[in-house]
Every structure is written in C-alpha cells, then in structure tokens.
PDB file of N, CA and C in Angstrom:
ATOM      1  N   MET A   1       0.822  -1.190   0.001  1.00  0.00           N
ATOM      2  CA  MET A   1       0.002   0.000   0.001  1.00  0.00           C
ATOM      3  C   MET A   1       0.871   1.259   0.000  1.00  0.00           C
ATOM      4  N   LYS A   2       1.974   1.225   0.763  1.00  0.00           N
ATOM      5  CA  LYS A   2       2.881   2.378   0.791  1.00  0.00           C
ATOM      6  C   LYS A   2       3.416   2.681  -0.603  1.00  0.00           C
ATOM      7  N   TYR A   3       3.701   1.626  -1.355  1.00  0.00           N
ATOM      8  CA  TYR A   3       4.250   1.815  -2.697  1.00  0.00           C
ATOM      9  C   TYR A   3       3.220   2.429  -3.635  1.00  0.00           C
ATOM     10  N   VAL A   4       1.971   2.042  -3.490  1.00  0.00           N
ATOM     11  CA  VAL A   4       0.900   2.596  -4.325  1.00  0.00           C
ATOM     12  C   VAL A   4       0.749   4.087  -4.060  1.00  0.00           C
ATOM     13  N   ILE A   5       0.786   4.478  -2.789  1.00  0.00           N
ATOM     14  CA  ILE A   5       0.673   5.892  -2.429  1.00  0.00           C
ATOM     15  C   ILE A   5       1.879   6.665  -2.953  1.00  0.00           C
ATOM     16  N   ALA A   6       3.061   6.094  -2.801  1.00  0.00           N
ATOM     17  CA  ALA A   6       4.276   6.754  -3.300  1.00  0.00           C
ATOM     18  C   ALA A   6       4.210   6.923  -4.819  1.00  0.00           C
ATOM     19  N   LEU A   7       3.740   5.910  -5.523  1.00  0.00           N
ATOM     20  CA  LEU A   7       3.613   6.000  -6.978  1.00  0.00           C
ATOM     21  C   LEU A   7       2.569   7.040  -7.370  1.00  0.00           C
ATOM     22  N   ALA A   8       1.498   7.142  -6.597  1.00  0.00           N
ATOM     23  CA  ALA A   8       0.469   8.151  -6.879  1.00  0.00           C
ATOM     24  C   ALA A   8       1.051   9.555  -6.746  1.00  0.00           C
ATOM     25  N   PHE A   9       1.819   9.795  -5.676  1.00  0.00           N
ATOM     26  CA  PHE A   9       2.452  11.107  -5.499  1.00  0.00           C
ATOM     27  C   PHE A   9       3.445  11.400  -6.614  1.00  0.00           C
ATOM     28  N   LEU A  10       4.190  10.397  -7.026  1.00  0.00           N
ATOM     29  CA  LEU A  10       5.141  10.568  -8.118  1.00  0.00           C
ATOM     30  C   LEU A  10       4.407  10.907  -9.413  1.00  0.00           C
ATOM     31  N   GLY A  11       3.291  10.244  -9.658  1.00  0.00           N
ATOM     32  CA  GLY A  11       2.491  10.533 -10.848  1.00  0.00           C
ATOM     33  C   GLY A  11       1.942  11.945 -10.832  1.00  0.00           C
ATOM     34  N   ILE A  12       1.488  12.408  -9.683  1.00  0.00           N
ATOM     35  CA  ILE A  12       0.979  13.780  -9.556  1.00  0.00           C
ATOM     36  C   ILE A  12       2.096  14.773  -9.801  1.00  0.00           C
ATOM     37  N   ALA A  13       3.277  14.508  -9.267  1.00  0.00           N
ATOM     38  CA  ALA A  13       4.418  15.404  -9.479  1.00  0.00           C
ATOM     39  C   ALA A  13       4.770  15.473 -10.962  1.00  0.00           C
ATOM     40  N   GLN A  14       4.719  14.349 -11.663  1.00  0.00           N
ATOM     41  CA  GLN A  14       5.020  14.339 -13.091  1.00  0.00           C
ATOM     42  C   GLN A  14       3.985  15.135 -13.877  1.00  0.00           C
ATOM     43  N   LEU A  15       2.709  15.037 -13.487  1.00  0.00           N
ATOM     44  CA  LEU A  15       1.654  15.793 -14.159  1.00  0.00           C
ATOM     45  C   LEU A  15       1.849  17.289 -13.956  1.00  0.00           C
ATOM     46  N   ALA A  16       2.267  17.682 -12.763  1.00  0.00           N
ATOM     47  CA  ALA A  16       2.498  19.110 -12.494  1.00  0.00           C
ATOM     48  C   ALA A  16       3.625  19.634 -13.374  1.00  0.00           C
ATOM     49  N   GLN A  17       4.661  18.828 -13.573  1.00  0.00           N
ATOM     50  CA  GLN A  17       5.766  19.252 -14.425  1.00  0.00           C
ATOM     51  C   GLN A  17       5.337  19.300 -15.886  1.00  0.00           C
ATOM     52  N   ALA A  18       4.407  18.437 -16.272  1.00  0.00           N
ATOM     53  CA  ALA A  18       3.966  18.386 -17.662  1.00  0.00           C
ATOM     54  C   ALA A  18       3.167  19.626 -18.040  1.00  0.00           C
ATOM     55  N   ASP A  19       2.717  20.412 -17.047  1.00  0.00           N
ATOM     56  CA  ASP A  19       1.958  21.626 -17.328  1.00  0.00           C
ATOM     57  C   ASP A  19       2.811  22.708 -17.974  1.00  0.00           C
ATOM     58  N   CYS A  20       4.099  22.566 -17.952  1.00  0.00           N
ATOM     59  CA  CYS A  20       4.983  23.573 -18.517  1.00  0.00           C
ATOM     60  C   CYS A  20       5.643  23.021 -19.775  1.00  0.00           C
ATOM     61  N   SER A  21       5.604  23.822 -20.844  1.00  0.00           N
ATOM     62  CA  SER A  21       6.234  23.392 -22.096  1.00  0.00           C
ATOM     63  C   SER A  21       6.962  24.577 -22.723  1.00  0.00           C
ATOM     64  N   LEU A  22       7.688  24.313 -23.776  1.00  0.00           N
ATOM     65  CA  LEU A  22       8.429  25.380 -24.453  1.00  0.00           C
ATOM     66  C   LEU A  22       7.525  26.508 -24.918  1.00  0.00           C
ATOM     67  N   SER A  23       6.287  26.183 -25.260  1.00  0.00           N
ATOM     68  CA  SER A  23       5.373  27.231 -25.724  1.00  0.00           C
ATOM     69  C   SER A  23       5.019  28.224 -24.611  1.00  0.00           C
ATOM     70  N   ASP A  24       5.309  27.865 -23.350  1.00  0.00           N
ATOM     71  CA  ASP A  24       5.056  28.761 -22.220  1.00  0.00           C
ATOM     72  C   ASP A  24       6.214  29.732 -21.980  1.00  0.00           C
ATOM     73  N   ILE A  25       7.300  29.576 -22.711  1.00  0.00           N
ATOM     74  CA  ILE A  25       8.489  30.418 -22.525  1.00  0.00           C
ATOM     75  C   ILE A  25       8.681  31.285 -23.763  1.00  0.00           C
ATOM     76  N   LYS A  26       8.807  32.568 -23.566  1.00  0.00           N
ATOM     77  CA  LYS A  26       9.018  33.508 -24.679  1.00  0.00           C
ATOM     78  C   LYS A  26      10.210  34.402 -24.367  1.00  0.00           C
ATOM     79  N   ILE A  27      11.025  34.647 -25.376  1.00  0.00           N
ATOM     80  CA  ILE A  27      12.098  35.634 -25.275  1.00  0.00           C
ATOM     81  C   ILE A  27      11.493  36.959 -25.735  1.00  0.00           C
ATOM     82  N   THR A  28      11.522  37.974 -24.882  1.00  0.00           N
ATOM     83  CA  THR A  28      10.877  39.238 -25.219  1.00  0.00           C
ATOM     84  C   THR A  28      11.865  40.356 -25.535  1.00  0.00           C
ATOM     85  N   SER A  29      13.116  40.186 -25.155  1.00  0.00           N
ATOM     86  CA  SER A  29      14.092  41.246 -25.396  1.00  0.00           C
ATOM     87  C   SER A  29      15.495  40.651 -25.448  1.00  0.00           C
ATOM     88  N   VAL A  30      16.272  41.102 -26.423  1.00  0.00           N
ATOM     89  CA  VAL A  30      17.684  40.706 -26.528  1.00  0.00           C
ATOM     90  C   VAL A  30      18.473  41.943 -26.926  1.00  0.00           C
ATOM     91  N   LYS A  31      19.481  42.257 -26.146  1.00  0.00           N
ATOM     92  CA  LYS A  31      20.376  43.357 -26.499  1.00  0.00           C
ATOM     93  C   LYS A  31      21.795  42.882 -26.206  1.00  0.00           C
ATOM     94  N   ALA A  32      22.571  42.699 -27.262  1.00  0.00           N
ATOM     95  CA  ALA A  32      23.929  42.187 -27.107  1.00  0.00           C
ATOM     96  C   ALA A  32      24.817  42.726 -28.210  1.00  0.00           C
ATOM     97  N   LYS A  33      26.087  42.879 -27.882  1.00  0.00           N
ATOM     98  CA  LYS A  33      27.074  43.280 -28.879  1.00  0.00           C
ATOM     99  C   LYS A  33      28.457  42.869 -28.388  1.00  0.00           C
ATOM    100  N   PHE A  34      29.383  42.848 -29.324  1.00  0.00           N
ATOM    101  CA  PHE A  34      30.764  42.565 -28.971  1.00  0.00           C
ATOM    102  C   PHE A  34      31.454  43.872 -28.616  1.00  0.00           C
ATOM    103  N   VAL A  35      32.171  43.869 -27.505  1.00  0.00           N
ATOM    104  CA  VAL A  35      32.883  45.052 -27.047  1.00  0.00           C
ATOM    105  C   VAL A  35      34.310  44.668 -26.671  1.00  0.00           C
ATOM    106  N   SER A  36      35.188  45.652 -26.730  1.00  0.00           N
ATOM    107  CA  SER A  36      36.556  45.461 -26.264  1.00  0.00           C
ATOM    108  C   SER A  36      36.762  46.401 -25.088  1.00  0.00           C
ATOM    109  N   THR A  37      37.094  45.831 -23.946  1.00  0.00           N
ATOM    110  CA  THR A  37      37.279  46.639 -22.734  1.00  0.00           C
ATOM    111  C   THR A  37      38.756  46.801 -22.366  1.00  0.00           C
ATOM    112  N   CYS A  38      39.615  46.346 -23.236  1.00  0.00           N
ATOM    113  CA  CYS A  38      41.052  46.475 -22.993  1.00  0.00           C
ATOM    114  C   CYS A  38      41.611  47.580 -23.893  1.00  0.00           C
ATOM    115  N   SER A  39      42.575  48.301 -23.389  1.00  0.00           N
ATOM    116  CA  SER A  39      43.134  49.391 -24.198  1.00  0.00           C
ATOM    117  C   SER A  39      44.391  48.971 -24.959  1.00  0.00           C
ATOM    118  N   SER A  40      45.158  48.034 -24.426  1.00  0.00           N
ATOM    119  CA  SER A  40      46.425  47.701 -25.073  1.00  0.00           C
ATOM    120  C   SER A  40      46.389  46.403 -25.890  1.00  0.00           C
ATOM    121  N   VAL A  41      45.432  45.523 -25.615  1.00  0.00           N
ATOM    122  CA  VAL A  41      45.317  44.268 -26.364  1.00  0.00           C
ATOM    123  C   VAL A  41      43.861  44.069 -26.780  1.00  0.00           C
ATOM    124  N   ASP A  42      43.652  43.243 -27.783  1.00  0.00           N
ATOM    125  CA  ASP A  42      42.294  42.958 -28.213  1.00  0.00           C
ATOM    126  C   ASP A  42      41.674  41.920 -27.278  1.00  0.00           C
ATOM    127  N   CYS A  43      40.636  42.300 -26.609  1.00  0.00           N
ATOM    128  CA  CYS A  43      39.931  41.356 -25.716  1.00  0.00           C
ATOM    129  C   CYS A  43      38.427  41.449 -25.986  1.00  0.00           C
ATOM    130  N   THR A  44      38.077  41.425 -27.244  1.00  0.00           N
ATOM    131  CA  THR A  44      36.682  41.555 -27.648  1.00  0.00           C
ATOM    132  C   THR A  44      35.873  40.377 -27.122  1.00  0.00           C
ATOM    133  N   HIS A  45      34.742  40.706 -26.493  1.00  0.00           N
ATOM    134  CA  HIS A  45      33.875  39.674 -25.932  1.00  0.00           C
ATOM    135  C   HIS A  45      32.419  40.121 -26.001  1.00  0.00           C
ATOM    136  N   LEU A  46      31.519  39.160 -25.899  1.00  0.00           N
ATOM    137  CA  LEU A  46      30.089  39.442 -25.957  1.00  0.00           C
ATOM    138  C   LEU A  46      29.626  40.018 -24.630  1.00  0.00           C
ATOM    139  N   ARG A  47      28.849  41.088 -24.714  1.00  0.00           N
ATOM    140  CA  ARG A  47      28.241  41.674 -23.535  1.00  0.00           C
ATOM    141  C   ARG A  47      26.782  41.969 -23.886  1.00  0.00           C
ATOM    142  N   GLY A  48      25.874  41.549 -23.003  1.00  0.00           N
ATOM    143  CA  GLY A  48      24.473  41.816 -23.278  1.00  0.00           C
ATOM    144  C   GLY A  48      23.536  41.239 -22.249  1.00  0.00           C
ATOM    145  N   VAL A  49      22.251  41.522 -22.448  1.00  0.00           N
ATOM    146  CA  VAL A  49      21.196  41.012 -21.582  1.00  0.00           C
ATOM    147  C   VAL A  49      20.013  40.574 -22.430  1.00  0.00           C
ATOM    148  N   ALA A  50      19.206  39.704 -21.845  1.00  0.00           N
ATOM    149  CA  ALA A  50      17.972  39.263 -22.487  1.00  0.00           C
ATOM    150  C   ALA A  50      16.919  39.083 -21.407  1.00  0.00           C
ATOM    151  N   THR A  51      15.672  39.128 -21.831  1.00  0.00           N
ATOM    152  CA  THR A  51      14.565  38.901 -20.919  1.00  0.00           C
ATOM    153  C   THR A  51      13.670  37.817 -21.496  1.00  0.00           C
ATOM    154  N   LEU A  52      13.306  36.871 -20.647  1.00  0.00           N
ATOM    155  CA  LEU A  52      12.336  35.864 -21.038  1.00  0.00           C
ATOM    156  C   LEU A  52      11.126  35.972 -20.132  1.00  0.00           C
ATOM    157  N   VAL A  53       9.996  35.485 -20.622  1.00  0.00           N
ATOM    158  CA  VAL A  53       8.778  35.436 -19.828  1.00  0.00           C
ATOM    159  C   VAL A  53       8.415  33.980 -19.617  1.00  0.00           C
ATOM    160  N   ASN A  54       8.317  33.595 -18.344  1.00  0.00           N
ATOM    161  CA  ASN A  54       7.895  32.253 -17.976  1.00  0.00           C
ATOM    162  C   ASN A  54       6.391  32.320 -17.692  1.00  0.00           C
ATOM    163  N   SER A  55       5.581  31.742 -18.571  1.00  0.00           N
ATOM    164  CA  SER A  55       4.132  31.722 -18.394  1.00  0.00           C
ATOM    165  C   SER A  55       3.651  30.405 -17.790  1.00  0.00           C
ATOM    166  N   CYS A  56       4.574  29.611 -17.294  1.00  0.00           N
ATOM    167  CA  CYS A  56       4.213  28.353 -16.637  1.00  0.00           C
ATOM    168  C   CYS A  56       3.540  28.659 -15.300  1.00  0.00           C
ATOM    169  N   PRO A  57       2.712  27.746 -14.800  1.00  0.00           N
ATOM    170  CA  PRO A  57       2.048  27.981 -13.520  1.00  0.00           C
ATOM    171  C   PRO A  57       2.995  27.930 -12.317  1.00  0.00           C
ATOM    172  N   GLU A  58       4.189  27.393 -12.510  1.00  0.00           N
ATOM    173  CA  GLU A  58       5.166  27.322 -11.426  1.00  0.00           C
ATOM    174  C   GLU A  58       6.562  27.595 -11.967  1.00  0.00           C
ATOM    175  N   ALA A  59       7.496  27.768 -11.071  1.00  0.00           N
ATOM    176  CA  ALA A  59       8.886  28.008 -11.465  1.00  0.00           C
ATOM    177  C   ALA A  59       9.427  26.786 -12.213  1.00  0.00           C
ATOM    178  N   THR A  60      10.251  27.051 -13.218  1.00  0.00           N
ATOM    179  CA  THR A  60      10.831  25.966 -14.009  1.00  0.00           C
ATOM    180  C   THR A  60      12.192  26.387 -14.550  1.00  0.00           C
ATOM    181  N   GLY A  61      13.042  25.420 -14.821  1.00  0.00           N
ATOM    182  CA  GLY A  61      14.327  25.700 -15.455  1.00  0.00           C
ATOM    183  C   GLY A  61      14.139  25.857 -16.953  1.00  0.00           C
ATOM    184  N   VAL A  62      14.912  26.756 -17.532  1.00  0.00           N
ATOM    185  CA  VAL A  62      14.803  27.024 -18.963  1.00  0.00           C
ATOM    186  C   VAL A  62      16.192  26.969 -19.593  1.00  0.00           C
ATOM    187  N   GLN A  63      16.312  26.250 -20.687  1.00  0.00           N
ATOM    188  CA  GLN A  63      17.539  26.233 -21.472  1.00  0.00           C
ATOM    189  C   GLN A  63      17.306  27.036 -22.738  1.00  0.00           C
ATOM    190  N   VAL A  64      18.265  27.901 -23.070  1.00  0.00           N
ATOM    191  CA  VAL A  64      18.140  28.713 -24.275  1.00  0.00           C
ATOM    192  C   VAL A  64      19.335  28.489 -25.188  1.00  0.00           C
ATOM    193  N   GLN A  65      19.123  28.771 -26.461  1.00  0.00           N
ATOM    194  CA  GLN A  65      20.181  28.657 -27.455  1.00  0.00           C
ATOM    195  C   GLN A  65      20.362  30.022 -28.104  1.00  0.00           C
ATOM    196  N   ILE A  66      21.613  30.484 -28.138  1.00  0.00           N
ATOM    197  CA  ILE A  66      21.934  31.714 -28.854  1.00  0.00           C
ATOM    198  C   ILE A  66      22.665  31.307 -30.127  1.00  0.00           C
ATOM    199  N   THR A  67      22.262  31.909 -31.239  1.00  0.00           N
ATOM    200  CA  THR A  67      22.902  31.631 -32.522  1.00  0.00           C
ATOM    201  C   THR A  67      23.298  32.956 -33.146  1.00  0.00           C
ATOM    202  N   ALA A  68      24.530  33.030 -33.598  1.00  0.00           N
ATOM    203  CA  ALA A  68      25.030  34.215 -34.292  1.00  0.00           C
ATOM    204  C   ALA A  68      25.008  33.943 -35.785  1.00  0.00           C
ATOM    205  N   TYR A  69      24.610  34.985 -36.553  1.00  0.00           N
ATOM    206  CA  TYR A  69      24.492  34.854 -38.004  1.00  0.00           C
ATOM    207  C   TYR A  69      25.370  35.880 -38.700  1.00  0.00           C
ATOM    208  N   ASP A  70      25.815  35.552 -39.912  1.00  0.00           N
ATOM    209  CA  ASP A  70      26.574  36.515 -40.709  1.00  0.00           C
ATOM    210  C   ASP A  70      25.591  37.406 -41.480  1.00  0.00           C
ATOM    211  N   LYS A  71      26.115  38.268 -42.331  1.00  0.00           N
ATOM    212  CA  LYS A  71      25.252  39.223 -43.044  1.00  0.00           C
ATOM    213  C   LYS A  71      24.331  38.545 -44.070  1.00  0.00           C
ATOM    214  N   HIS A  72      24.577  37.269 -44.366  1.00  0.00           N
ATOM    215  CA  HIS A  72      23.721  36.510 -45.285  1.00  0.00           C
ATOM    216  C   HIS A  72      22.760  35.590 -44.524  1.00  0.00           C
ATOM    217  N   ASP A  73      22.663  35.788 -43.204  1.00  0.00           N
ATOM    218  CA  ASP A  73      21.822  34.981 -42.311  1.00  0.00           C
ATOM    219  C   ASP A  73      22.250  33.518 -42.214  1.00  0.00           C
ATOM    220  N   ALA A  74      23.497  33.245 -42.496  1.00  0.00           N
ATOM    221  CA  ALA A  74      24.041  31.902 -42.300  1.00  0.00           C
ATOM    222  C   ALA A  74      24.579  31.810 -40.868  1.00  0.00           C
ATOM    223  N   PRO A  75      24.353  30.698 -40.172  1.00  0.00           N
ATOM    224  CA  PRO A  75      24.853  30.561 -38.804  1.00  0.00           C
ATOM    225  C   PRO A  75      26.385  30.590 -38.764  1.00  0.00           C
ATOM    226  N   VAL A  76      26.906  31.301 -37.788  1.00  0.00           N
ATOM    227  CA  VAL A  76      28.353  31.397 -37.594  1.00  0.00           C
ATOM    228  C   VAL A  76      28.767  30.656 -36.330  1.00  0.00           C
ATOM    229  N   SER A  77      27.962  30.795 -35.278  1.00  0.00           N
ATOM    230  CA  SER A  77      28.295  30.203 -33.989  1.00  0.00           C
ATOM    231  C   SER A  77      27.009  29.987 -33.194  1.00  0.00           C
ATOM    232  N   THR A  78      27.038  29.023 -32.275  1.00  0.00           N
ATOM    233  CA  THR A  78      25.886  28.779 -31.417  1.00  0.00           C
ATOM    234  C   THR A  78      26.341  28.286 -30.052  1.00  0.00           C
ATOM    235  N   SER A  79      25.496  28.525 -29.065  1.00  0.00           N
ATOM    236  CA  SER A  79      25.790  28.095 -27.699  1.00  0.00           C
ATOM    237  C   SER A  79      24.478  27.830 -26.977  1.00  0.00           C
ATOM    238  N   GLU A  80      24.459  26.790 -26.143  1.00  0.00           N
ATOM    239  CA  GLU A  80      23.277  26.463 -25.356  1.00  0.00           C
ATOM    240  C   GLU A  80      23.611  26.647 -23.878  1.00  0.00           C
ATOM    241  N   ASN A  81      22.721  27.348 -23.166  1.00  0.00           N
ATOM    242  CA  ASN A  81      22.967  27.661 -21.759  1.00  0.00           C
ATOM    243  C   ASN A  81      21.676  27.618 -20.952  1.00  0.00           C
ATOM    244  N   TRP A  82      21.830  27.427 -19.649  1.00  0.00           N
ATOM    245  CA  TRP A  82      20.740  27.515 -18.688  1.00  0.00           C
ATOM    246  C   TRP A  82      20.941  28.838 -17.951  1.00  0.00           C
ATOM    247  N   PRO A  83      20.194  29.895 -18.280  1.00  0.00           N
ATOM    248  CA  PRO A  83      20.437  31.219 -17.713  1.00  0.00           C
ATOM    249  C   PRO A  83      20.400  31.269 -16.187  1.00  0.00           C
ATOM    250  N   ALA A  84      19.603  30.420 -15.557  1.00  0.00           N
ATOM    251  CA  ALA A  84      19.527  30.410 -14.097  1.00  0.00           C
ATOM    252  C   ALA A  84      20.286  29.223 -13.511  1.00  0.00           C
ATOM    253  N   SER A  85      21.151  28.614 -14.321  1.00  0.00           N
ATOM    254  CA  SER A  85      21.915  27.435 -13.907  1.00  0.00           C
ATOM    255  C   SER A  85      20.936  26.326 -13.511  1.00  0.00           C
ATOM    256  N   VAL A  86      21.079  25.751 -12.329  1.00  0.00           N
ATOM    257  CA  VAL A  86      20.198  24.668 -11.896  1.00  0.00           C
ATOM    258  C   VAL A  86      19.120  25.183 -10.938  1.00  0.00           C
ATOM    259  N   ARG A  87      18.704  26.425 -11.157  1.00  0.00           N
ATOM    260  CA  ARG A  87      17.607  27.005 -10.377  1.00  0.00           C
ATOM    261  C   ARG A  87      16.390  27.168 -11.288  1.00  0.00           C
ATOM    262  N   ASN A  88      15.225  27.053 -10.694  1.00  0.00           N
ATOM    263  CA  ASN A  88      13.989  27.266 -11.436  1.00  0.00           C
ATOM    264  C   ASN A  88      13.708  28.758 -11.543  1.00  0.00           C
ATOM    265  N   ILE A  89      13.199  29.173 -12.682  1.00  0.00           N
ATOM    266  CA  ILE A  89      12.843  30.571 -12.922  1.00  0.00           C
ATOM    267  C   ILE A  89      11.367  30.744 -12.567  1.00  0.00           C
ATOM    268  N   PRO A  90      11.055  31.679 -11.675  1.00  0.00           N
ATOM    269  CA  PRO A  90       9.655  31.860 -11.289  1.00  0.00           C
ATOM    270  C   PRO A  90       8.819  32.405 -12.444  1.00  0.00           C
ATOM    271  N   PRO A  91       7.500  32.238 -12.386  1.00  0.00           N
ATOM    272  CA  PRO A  91       6.636  32.803 -13.422  1.00  0.00           C
ATOM    273  C   PRO A  91       6.842  34.317 -13.535  1.00  0.00           C
ATOM    274  N   GLY A  92       6.717  34.830 -14.753  1.00  0.00           N
ATOM    275  CA  GLY A  92       6.885  36.259 -14.986  1.00  0.00           C
ATOM    276  C   GLY A  92       8.162  36.541 -15.767  1.00  0.00           C
ATOM    277  N   ASN A  93       8.598  37.796 -15.713  1.00  0.00           N
ATOM    278  CA  ASN A  93       9.800  38.228 -16.436  1.00  0.00           C
ATOM    279  C   ASN A  93      11.057  37.815 -15.696  1.00  0.00           C
ATOM    280  N   TYR A  94      12.083  37.431 -16.458  1.00  0.00           N
ATOM    281  CA  TYR A  94      13.387  37.072 -15.898  1.00  0.00           C
ATOM    282  C   TYR A  94      14.453  37.635 -16.832  1.00  0.00           C
ATOM    283  N   THR A  95      15.255  38.554 -16.330  1.00  0.00           N
ATOM    284  CA  THR A  95      16.327  39.163 -17.119  1.00  0.00           C
ATOM    285  C   THR A  95      17.643  38.499 -16.748  1.00  0.00           C
ATOM    286  N   PHE A  96      18.451  38.170 -17.767  1.00  0.00           N
ATOM    287  CA  PHE A  96      19.698  37.460 -17.521  1.00  0.00           C
ATOM    288  C   PHE A  96      20.804  37.971 -18.441  1.00  0.00           C
ATOM    289  N   SER A  97      22.029  37.717 -18.035  1.00  0.00           N
ATOM    290  CA  SER A  97      23.209  38.171 -18.757  1.00  0.00           C
ATOM    291  C   SER A  97      23.557  37.218 -19.900  1.00  0.00           C
ATOM    292  N   LEU A  98      24.002  37.812 -20.999  1.00  0.00           N
ATOM    293  CA  LEU A  98      24.519  37.042 -22.128  1.00  0.00           C
ATOM    294  C   LEU A  98      26.045  37.156 -22.223  1.00  0.00           C
ATOM    295  N   ASP A  99      26.652  37.800 -21.235  1.00  0.00           N
ATOM    296  CA  ASP A  99      28.099  38.022 -21.257  1.00  0.00           C
ATOM    297  C   ASP A  99      28.864  36.711 -21.433  1.00  0.00           C
ATOM    298  N   GLN A 100      29.782  36.724 -22.392  1.00  0.00           N
ATOM    299  CA  GLN A 100      30.695  35.608 -22.655  1.00  0.00           C
ATOM    300  C   GLN A 100      30.019  34.376 -23.265  1.00  0.00           C
ATOM    301  N   TRP A 101      28.778  34.466 -23.749  1.00  0.00           N
ATOM    302  CA  TRP A 101      28.081  33.294 -24.286  1.00  0.00           C
ATOM    303  C   TRP A 101      28.624  32.851 -25.632  1.00  0.00           C
ATOM    304  N   LEU A 102      29.203  33.751 -26.407  1.00  0.00           N
ATOM    305  CA  LEU A 102      29.770  33.412 -27.711  1.00  0.00           C
ATOM    306  C   LEU A 102      31.160  34.013 -27.829  1.00  0.00           C
ATOM    307  N   GLU A 103      32.017  33.325 -28.563  1.00  0.00           N
ATOM    308  CA  GLU A 103      33.328  33.891 -28.854  1.00  0.00           C
ATOM    309  C   GLU A 103      33.202  34.849 -30.035  1.00  0.00           C
ATOM    310  N   PHE A 104      34.059  35.847 -30.046  1.00  0.00           N
ATOM    311  CA  PHE A 104      34.029  36.858 -31.096  1.00  0.00           C
ATOM    312  C   PHE A 104      34.405  36.251 -32.443  1.00  0.00           C
ATOM    313  N   ASP A 105      33.654  36.654 -33.451  1.00  0.00           N
ATOM    314  CA  ASP A 105      33.952  36.317 -34.842  1.00  0.00           C
ATOM    315  C   ASP A 105      33.563  37.549 -35.650  1.00  0.00           C
ATOM    316  N   PRO A 106      34.479  38.108 -36.443  1.00  0.00           N
ATOM    317  CA  PRO A 106      34.163  39.342 -37.172  1.00  0.00           C
ATOM    318  C   PRO A 106      33.036  39.186 -38.202  1.00  0.00           C
ATOM    319  N   ASP A 107      32.682  37.961 -38.559  1.00  0.00           N
ATOM    320  CA  ASP A 107      31.600  37.727 -39.521  1.00  0.00           C
ATOM    321  C   ASP A 107      30.204  37.871 -38.898  1.00  0.00           C
ATOM    322  N   ILE A 108      30.120  37.918 -37.569  1.00  0.00           N
ATOM    323  CA  ILE A 108      28.819  37.977 -36.902  1.00  0.00           C
ATOM    324  C   ILE A 108      28.156  39.324 -37.157  1.00  0.00           C
ATOM    325  N   ALA A 109      26.910  39.255 -37.679  1.00  0.00           N
ATOM    326  CA  ALA A 109      26.144  40.470 -37.968  1.00  0.00           C
ATOM    327  C   ALA A 109      24.888  40.579 -37.111  1.00  0.00           C
ATOM    328  N   SER A 110      24.358  39.422 -36.623  1.00  0.00           N
ATOM    329  CA  SER A 110      23.145  39.449 -35.808  1.00  0.00           C
ATOM    330  C   SER A 110      23.086  38.216 -34.908  1.00  0.00           C
ATOM    331  N   PHE A 111      22.138  38.251 -33.961  1.00  0.00           N
ATOM    332  CA  PHE A 111      21.961  37.163 -33.005  1.00  0.00           C
ATOM    333  C   PHE A 111      20.509  36.711 -32.994  1.00  0.00           C
ATOM    334  N   GLY A 112      20.303  35.461 -32.666  1.00  0.00           N
ATOM    335  CA  GLY A 112      18.967  34.935 -32.398  1.00  0.00           C
ATOM    336  C   GLY A 112      19.010  34.169 -31.094  1.00  0.00           C
ATOM    337  N   LEU A 113      17.963  34.268 -30.297  1.00  0.00           N
ATOM    338  CA  LEU A 113      17.909  33.592 -28.997  1.00  0.00           C
ATOM    339  C   LEU A 113      16.543  32.928 -28.881  1.00  0.00           C
ATOM    340  N   LYS A 114      16.545  31.630 -28.521  1.00  0.00           N
ATOM    341  CA  LYS A 114      15.277  30.917 -28.396  1.00  0.00           C
ATOM    342  C   LYS A 114      15.356  29.892 -27.274  1.00  0.00           C
ATOM    343  N   PRO A 115      14.217  29.646 -26.602  1.00  0.00           N
ATOM    344  CA  PRO A 115      14.181  28.577 -25.601  1.00  0.00           C
ATOM    345  C   PRO A 115      14.187  27.223 -26.307  1.00  0.00           C
ATOM    346  N   ILE A 116      14.912  26.261 -25.741  1.00  0.00           N
ATOM    347  CA  ILE A 116      14.979  24.941 -26.381  1.00  0.00           C
ATOM    348  C   ILE A 116      14.601  23.795 -25.445  1.00  0.00           C
ATOM    349  N   ASP A 117      14.494  24.076 -24.132  1.00  0.00           N
ATOM    350  CA  ASP A 117      14.133  23.005 -23.201  1.00  0.00           C
ATOM    351  C   ASP A 117      13.627  23.618 -21.900  1.00  0.00           C
ATOM    352  N   VAL A 118      12.749  22.884 -21.229  1.00  0.00           N
ATOM    353  CA  VAL A 118      12.320  23.237 -19.875  1.00  0.00           C
ATOM    354  C   VAL A 118      12.549  22.022 -18.993  1.00  0.00           C
ATOM    355  N   HIS A 119      12.897  22.291 -17.749  1.00  0.00           N
ATOM    356  CA  HIS A 119      13.177  21.209 -16.806  1.00  0.00           C
ATOM    357  C   HIS A 119      12.880  21.733 -15.404  1.00  0.00           C
ATOM    358  N   HIS A 120      12.132  20.960 -14.627  1.00  0.00           N
ATOM    359  CA  HIS A 120      11.857  21.373 -13.250  1.00  0.00           C
ATOM    360  C   HIS A 120      12.960  20.824 -12.343  1.00  0.00           C
ATOM    361  N   TRP A 121      13.784  21.732 -11.832  1.00  0.00           N
ATOM    362  CA  TRP A 121      14.872  21.320 -10.931  1.00  0.00           C
ATOM    363  C   TRP A 121      14.293  21.053  -9.546  1.00  0.00           C
ATOM    364  N   LYS A 122      14.707  19.971  -8.959  1.00  0.00           N
ATOM    365  CA  LYS A 122      14.255  19.654  -7.597  1.00  0.00           C
ATOM    366  C   LYS A 122      14.955  20.576  -6.611  1.00  0.00           C
ATOM    367  N   LYS A 123      14.254  20.911  -5.572  1.00  0.00           N
ATOM    368  CA  LYS A 123      14.811  21.831  -4.557  1.00  0.00           C
ATOM    369  C   LYS A 123      15.756  21.131  -3.641  1.00  0.00           C
TER     370      LYS A 123
END
C-alpha cells in the first residue's frame, strides 16, 4: 500500500511538471554586442542582456540557445545555456546576462535567442 501511495504522489508530481512546455516560454528582449574593454590588447567579448517570460504555472528551469548569423543569415556560432543554472525561474519576467556566451567572430552580424528546453529542478 505504501508503494501505491508513493507512486500516486510521483504521478501527480510528473503531471504538475507536464503543465509547462516550451510554448510557455518567450524571449521578449535581446540586447547584445561585442565590445573590447582592454586598451592595449584585443579582448573583444560578448556583452548583453535578455529577458524571457515564464508563463508556466510554477517556477521551471529554462535552457536557451543563442545563434550568431553573418550578413547573409548563415549561422556562424551557437551556444546552449541555462540562464539560471540549476535554479527554477519563477513565473513572470526574468532578465539574464549574455556576457561571454559566444566567442568573437568578425563575420557575426546578428543574433537569435530561443528557448529549447524546460526542466523542473528539484529543490
């Protein structure tokens, strides 16, 4: 009987996690550029911020992918990151840093950012 109750609770927990999907996550703002903060050597690096909206009913982890494109819209570089690391992002707006997410390439003309996975991190 204990196992049946434990399995029931596990099933309920899985259903609660299933309420959140990629369609509940939207990127609403991206502002990023390559900058050089060194005066004597080239140390060009990505600096920027982005905001996502979590419309899930509860906090959830979000993985995003940033892709850099050249002037012909061909991909130059890509990176996948969890902006909140192994923490769940609460419902609503969440602003995060894009600093150092991509290495500098002079061919980069634009960026795209999209959510690619959701995961509920256990506390």
